[in-house]
Amino acid sequence: MYGIFMECWVALKLYFGNPLLAILLVASAIYIIVAEKDLKKKILLGILPIVILAGFLFPVTKMVYVAAFDESDTYYRVLWLVPMYVVIGYAVCKLVFSFERKMKQRIALVIALVVVALSGHLVYLNQYMSVAQNLYHIPQHVIEICDVIAPADGEDRVRAAFPSELVHFVRQYDTDILMPFGREMVVTQWDYYNPVYEVMEKPEIIDAEELLDATRQTSCRYIVLAKDRKINKNLTTLGLKLIKTIDNYYIYEDPQVSS
């Protein structure tokens, strides 16, 4: 039981990241419990978050979750039930407006804003942040690739094999382009099997004939490959057409599937 408790404790710390955020949440919930007169708000924004946090750390809760869903890696999602920023925001507003004099309200607001600022970080400095290239907020080369292979209005949807780094974006942009594998293969801990993924992503050097066999079995009309991806044969020698090159990607069409 102690081991399970420590697993829950580590998951809780990883979820919050900055411990000040967790302290701020608990302090806000306690303040709402003490100061709020509306019973429904007191339960929803004060009591319930504390109960969920306590229940999350209780080993039996995790045991029941794993037994019900047969999965322990997603246990942290229980914490999604806590309306964290609603609780903090409501508590701050209630505290500020509890003072009658405007000067005290301003001082309380400044202090609250400083505390909130110290509990996080500037997301725009994150290494994963980049300037949006278009209104879709996805890489521009993905849009251009999809526009090349997308079916015209009234035509049937097409199937195309994309490198794993593009599959997240393709589905967001055009649902008329189907793929033999998607996010379920990119998340490695799920450990699913897909013949196209096995040939296209796992080996250091792609076997062109095996790739073509897998894509034809899954009715892929197009194959998109990065220029720097190693392959033992040029796909054009196996009958495919190189219809366009966009940025760092080749777009091949398989006449046997398109016919």
Protein backbone atom coordinates (compact mmCIF):
# COMPACT_ATOMS: atom_id res chain seq x y z
CA MET A 1 0.00 0.00 0.00
CA TYR A 2 2.85 2.36 0.84
CA GLY A 3 4.38 1.74 -2.60
CA ILE A 4 1.12 2.60 -4.33
CA PHE A 5 0.80 5.75 -2.19
CA MET A 6 4.29 6.87 -3.28
CA GLU A 7 3.37 6.27 -6.93
CA CYS A 8 0.33 8.50 -6.45
CA TRP A 9 2.42 11.11 -4.67
CA VAL A 10 4.99 11.22 -7.47
CA ALA A 11 2.20 11.47 -10.08
CA LEU A 12 0.66 14.35 -8.13
CA LYS A 13 3.96 16.24 -8.02
CA LEU A 14 4.56 15.70 -11.72
CA TYR A 15 1.04 16.86 -12.55
CA PHE A 16 1.43 20.20 -10.77
CA GLY A 17 5.07 20.73 -11.71
CA ASN A 18 5.54 23.82 -9.58
CA PRO A 19 4.66 23.00 -5.94
CA LEU A 20 3.51 26.60 -5.44
CA LEU A 21 0.60 25.88 -7.78
CA ALA A 22 -0.56 22.98 -5.62
CA ILE A 23 -0.24 25.10 -2.47
CA LEU A 24 -2.22 27.87 -4.16
CA LEU A 25 -4.98 25.43 -5.12
CA VAL A 26 -5.31 23.95 -1.64
CA ALA A 27 -5.19 27.40 -0.01
CA SER A 28 -7.87 28.68 -2.39
CA ALA A 29 -10.13 25.68 -1.71
CA ILE A 30 -9.75 26.09 2.05
CA TYR A 31 -10.48 29.82 1.80
CA ILE A 32 -13.65 29.10 -0.19
CA ILE A 33 -14.77 26.53 2.40
CA VAL A 34 -14.33 29.11 5.18
CA ALA A 35 -15.55 32.27 3.46
CA GLU A 36 -18.21 31.10 0.99
CA LYS A 37 -21.81 31.22 2.23
CA ASP A 38 -23.44 29.62 -0.81
CA LEU A 39 -23.50 25.89 -0.03
CA LYS A 40 -23.37 24.75 -3.66
CA LYS A 41 -20.31 26.90 -4.42
CA LYS A 42 -18.67 25.79 -1.17
CA ILE A 43 -19.10 22.13 -2.12
CA LEU A 44 -18.17 22.48 -5.80
CA LEU A 45 -15.20 24.84 -5.49
CA GLY A 46 -14.03 24.15 -1.96
CA ILE A 47 -14.85 20.73 -0.61
CA LEU A 48 -14.84 18.71 -3.84
CA PRO A 49 -11.28 19.67 -4.95
CA ILE A 50 -9.90 18.70 -1.52
CA VAL A 51 -11.79 15.39 -1.61
CA ILE A 52 -10.50 14.58 -5.12
CA LEU A 53 -6.90 15.38 -4.15
CA ALA A 54 -7.16 13.26 -1.02
CA GLY A 55 -8.85 10.46 -2.93
CA PHE A 56 -6.15 10.57 -5.60
CA LEU A 57 -3.49 9.88 -2.96
CA PHE A 58 -5.53 7.07 -1.41
CA PRO A 59 -4.04 3.77 -2.71
CA VAL A 60 -7.42 2.02 -2.92
CA THR A 61 -8.60 4.62 -5.45
CA LYS A 62 -5.77 3.73 -7.82
CA MET A 63 -6.38 0.01 -7.30
CA VAL A 64 -10.05 0.45 -8.27
CA TYR A 65 -9.10 2.62 -11.28
CA VAL A 66 -6.61 0.06 -12.59
CA ALA A 67 -9.10 -2.77 -12.06
CA ALA A 68 -11.83 -0.86 -13.91
CA PHE A 69 -9.80 0.43 -16.87
CA ASP A 70 -6.90 -2.05 -16.90
CA GLU A 71 -4.48 0.88 -17.21
CA SER A 72 -2.32 2.68 -14.67
CA ASP A 73 -0.50 5.17 -16.91
CA THR A 74 -3.59 7.36 -17.21
CA TYR A 75 -4.43 7.51 -13.52
CA TYR A 76 -3.27 11.15 -13.41
CA ARG A 77 -6.36 12.06 -15.45
CA VAL A 78 -8.42 11.78 -12.27
CA LEU A 79 -6.93 15.18 -11.42
CA TRP A 80 -8.66 16.64 -14.48
CA LEU A 81 -11.82 16.55 -12.37
CA VAL A 82 -10.42 19.41 -10.27
CA PRO A 83 -11.37 22.80 -11.79
CA MET A 84 -8.00 24.16 -10.68
CA TYR A 85 -7.96 27.61 -12.26
CA VAL A 86 -11.64 28.20 -11.62
CA VAL A 87 -11.06 27.53 -7.91
CA ILE A 88 -8.01 29.78 -7.77
CA GLY A 89 -9.65 32.54 -9.80
CA TYR A 90 -12.83 32.49 -7.76
CA ALA A 91 -10.89 32.56 -4.48
CA VAL A 92 -8.78 35.51 -5.65
CA CYS A 93 -11.86 37.49 -6.76
CA LYS A 94 -13.66 36.73 -3.52
CA LEU A 95 -10.65 37.79 -1.47
CA VAL A 96 -10.17 41.05 -3.39
CA PHE A 97 -13.80 42.10 -3.14
CA SER A 98 -14.05 41.14 0.51
CA PHE A 99 -12.27 44.41 1.32
CA GLU A 100 -14.51 47.46 1.44
CA ARG A 101 -11.85 50.08 0.69
CA LYS A 102 -10.59 50.26 -2.90
CA MET A 103 -6.98 50.73 -1.82
CA LYS A 104 -7.01 47.43 0.05
CA GLN A 105 -8.66 45.78 -2.96
CA ARG A 106 -5.88 47.00 -5.22
CA ILE A 107 -3.17 45.85 -2.84
CA ALA A 108 -4.81 42.42 -2.50
CA LEU A 109 -5.13 42.16 -6.29
CA VAL A 110 -1.46 43.02 -6.85
CA ILE A 111 -0.36 40.47 -4.23
CA ALA A 112 -2.61 37.81 -5.75
CA LEU A 113 -1.28 38.49 -9.25
CA VAL A 114 2.32 38.26 -8.03
CA VAL A 115 1.62 34.93 -6.31
CA VAL A 116 -0.09 33.55 -9.42
CA ALA A 117 2.77 34.75 -11.64
CA LEU A 118 5.36 33.08 -9.40
CA SER A 119 3.44 29.80 -9.56
CA GLY A 120 3.97 29.43 -13.30
CA HIS A 121 6.30 30.40 -16.13
CA LEU A 122 6.15 32.33 -19.39
CA VAL A 123 4.95 29.74 -21.92
CA TYR A 124 6.28 31.76 -24.87
CA LEU A 125 9.83 30.97 -23.74
CA ASN A 126 9.16 27.23 -23.92
CA GLN A 127 11.38 25.37 -26.41
CA TYR A 128 8.29 23.78 -27.98
CA MET A 129 6.66 27.11 -28.81
CA SER A 130 6.94 28.47 -32.33
CA VAL A 131 5.34 31.27 -34.32
CA ALA A 132 2.19 30.14 -36.13
CA GLN A 133 2.74 29.89 -39.89
CA ASN A 134 -0.95 30.03 -40.79
CA LEU A 135 -4.48 30.26 -39.37
CA TYR A 136 -4.54 26.49 -38.79
CA HIS A 137 -1.53 26.66 -36.44
CA ILE A 138 0.06 23.65 -38.10
CA PRO A 139 3.25 23.48 -40.22
CA GLN A 140 2.79 25.07 -43.63
CA HIS A 141 4.39 22.14 -45.47
CA VAL A 142 1.68 19.82 -44.07
CA ILE A 143 -1.00 22.04 -45.62
CA GLU A 144 0.81 22.10 -48.96
CA ILE A 145 1.25 18.31 -49.00
CA CYS A 146 -2.40 17.73 -48.14
CA ASP A 147 -3.56 20.19 -50.82
CA VAL A 148 -1.60 18.21 -53.43
CA ILE A 149 -3.14 14.82 -52.61
CA ALA A 150 -6.58 15.84 -51.32
CA PRO A 151 -9.54 14.56 -53.39
CA ALA A 152 -11.63 17.05 -55.33
CA ASP A 153 -15.17 17.83 -54.25
CA GLY A 154 -17.39 14.81 -54.79
CA GLU A 155 -14.51 12.35 -55.10
CA ASP A 156 -13.87 9.49 -52.67
CA ARG A 157 -11.46 9.99 -49.81
CA VAL A 158 -7.86 8.95 -50.41
CA ARG A 159 -5.46 7.02 -48.19
CA ALA A 160 -1.85 8.10 -47.75
CA ALA A 161 1.07 6.89 -45.63
CA PHE A 162 2.75 9.76 -43.78
CA PRO A 163 5.85 9.87 -41.58
CA SER A 164 4.92 9.70 -37.91
CA GLU A 165 5.91 13.32 -37.27
CA LEU A 166 3.12 14.49 -39.60
CA VAL A 167 0.18 12.28 -38.66
CA HIS A 168 -1.05 14.57 -35.85
CA PHE A 169 -1.36 17.50 -38.22
CA VAL A 170 -2.90 15.77 -41.25
CA ARG A 171 -6.02 14.70 -39.37
CA GLN A 172 -6.49 18.23 -38.06
CA TYR A 173 -6.36 19.74 -41.51
CA ASP A 174 -8.21 17.39 -43.87
CA THR A 175 -10.46 14.50 -42.85
CA ASP A 176 -10.76 13.41 -46.49
CA ILE A 177 -7.21 12.06 -46.27
CA LEU A 178 -7.11 8.72 -44.47
CA MET A 179 -3.96 7.16 -43.04
CA PRO A 180 -3.00 3.53 -42.36
CA PHE A 181 -1.79 4.52 -38.89
CA GLY A 182 -2.22 7.53 -36.64
CA ARG A 183 -1.66 8.72 -33.10
CA GLU A 184 -2.16 5.25 -31.64
CA MET A 185 1.16 4.21 -33.19
CA VAL A 186 3.05 7.37 -32.24
CA VAL A 187 2.28 6.83 -28.54
CA THR A 188 4.77 4.02 -28.07
CA GLN A 189 3.57 2.80 -24.66
CA TRP A 190 0.32 1.58 -26.27
CA ASP A 191 2.39 -0.98 -28.19
CA TYR A 192 -0.03 -1.52 -31.08
CA TYR A 193 0.91 -3.28 -34.32
CA ASN A 194 0.51 -1.82 -37.79
CA PRO A 195 2.21 -3.30 -40.89
CA VAL A 196 2.86 0.06 -42.57
CA TYR A 197 4.30 1.56 -39.37
CA GLU A 198 6.52 -1.48 -38.84
CA VAL A 199 8.09 -1.09 -42.29
CA MET A 200 8.04 2.70 -42.57
CA GLU A 201 9.17 3.81 -39.12
CA LYS A 202 11.01 1.09 -37.19
CA PRO A 203 13.96 0.03 -39.39
CA GLU A 204 16.92 2.34 -39.89
CA ILE A 205 16.76 1.68 -43.64
CA ILE A 206 13.35 1.14 -45.24
CA ASP A 207 12.90 -1.92 -47.43
CA ALA A 208 11.16 -0.37 -50.45
CA GLU A 209 9.48 -3.59 -51.61
CA GLU A 210 8.15 -4.37 -48.13
CA LEU A 211 6.86 -0.80 -47.80
CA LEU A 212 5.11 -0.99 -51.14
CA ASP A 213 3.56 -4.35 -50.24
CA ALA A 214 2.25 -2.96 -46.94
CA THR A 215 0.86 0.25 -48.45
CA ARG A 216 -0.88 -1.64 -51.26
CA GLN A 217 -2.47 -4.03 -48.79
CA THR A 218 -3.88 -1.00 -46.94
CA SER A 219 -4.90 0.76 -50.21
CA CYS A 220 -2.55 3.72 -49.84
CA ARG A 221 -2.64 5.77 -52.99
CA TYR A 222 0.15 8.07 -51.78
CA ILE A 223 3.37 7.66 -49.83
CA VAL A 224 5.06 10.67 -48.24
CA LEU A 225 8.71 10.27 -47.24
CA ALA A 226 11.25 12.67 -45.77
CA LYS A 227 14.24 13.37 -48.02
CA ASP A 228 16.69 12.26 -45.37
CA ARG A 229 14.87 8.97 -44.69
CA LYS A 230 17.06 6.07 -45.79
CA ILE A 231 15.51 3.57 -48.22
CA ASN A 232 17.21 0.74 -50.08
CA LYS A 233 15.59 1.48 -53.46
CA ASN A 234 14.12 4.48 -55.18
CA LEU A 235 10.34 4.02 -55.22
CA THR A 236 10.16 5.26 -58.81
CA THR A 237 12.04 2.13 -59.92
CA LEU A 238 9.15 0.08 -58.48
CA GLY A 239 6.54 1.87 -60.55
CA LEU A 240 5.58 4.80 -58.31
CA LYS A 241 5.44 8.39 -59.58
CA LEU A 242 7.19 11.24 -57.78
CA ILE A 243 4.47 13.85 -58.22
CA LYS A 244 5.93 16.66 -56.12
CA THR A 245 8.61 17.66 -53.62
CA ILE A 246 7.58 19.99 -50.81
CA ASP A 247 10.22 21.26 -48.39
CA ASN A 248 11.87 18.17 -46.95
CA TYR A 249 9.31 15.64 -48.24
CA TYR A 250 8.77 13.57 -51.39
CA ILE A 251 5.20 12.75 -52.47
CA TYR A 252 4.81 9.49 -54.40
CA GLU A 253 1.67 8.21 -56.12
CA ASP A 254 1.01 4.51 -56.68
CA PRO A 255 -0.73 4.04 -60.06
CA GLN A 256 -1.87 0.54 -59.11
CA VAL A 257 -3.93 1.91 -56.24
CA SER A 258 -5.15 5.07 -57.97
CA SER A 259 -6.43 3.06 -60.90
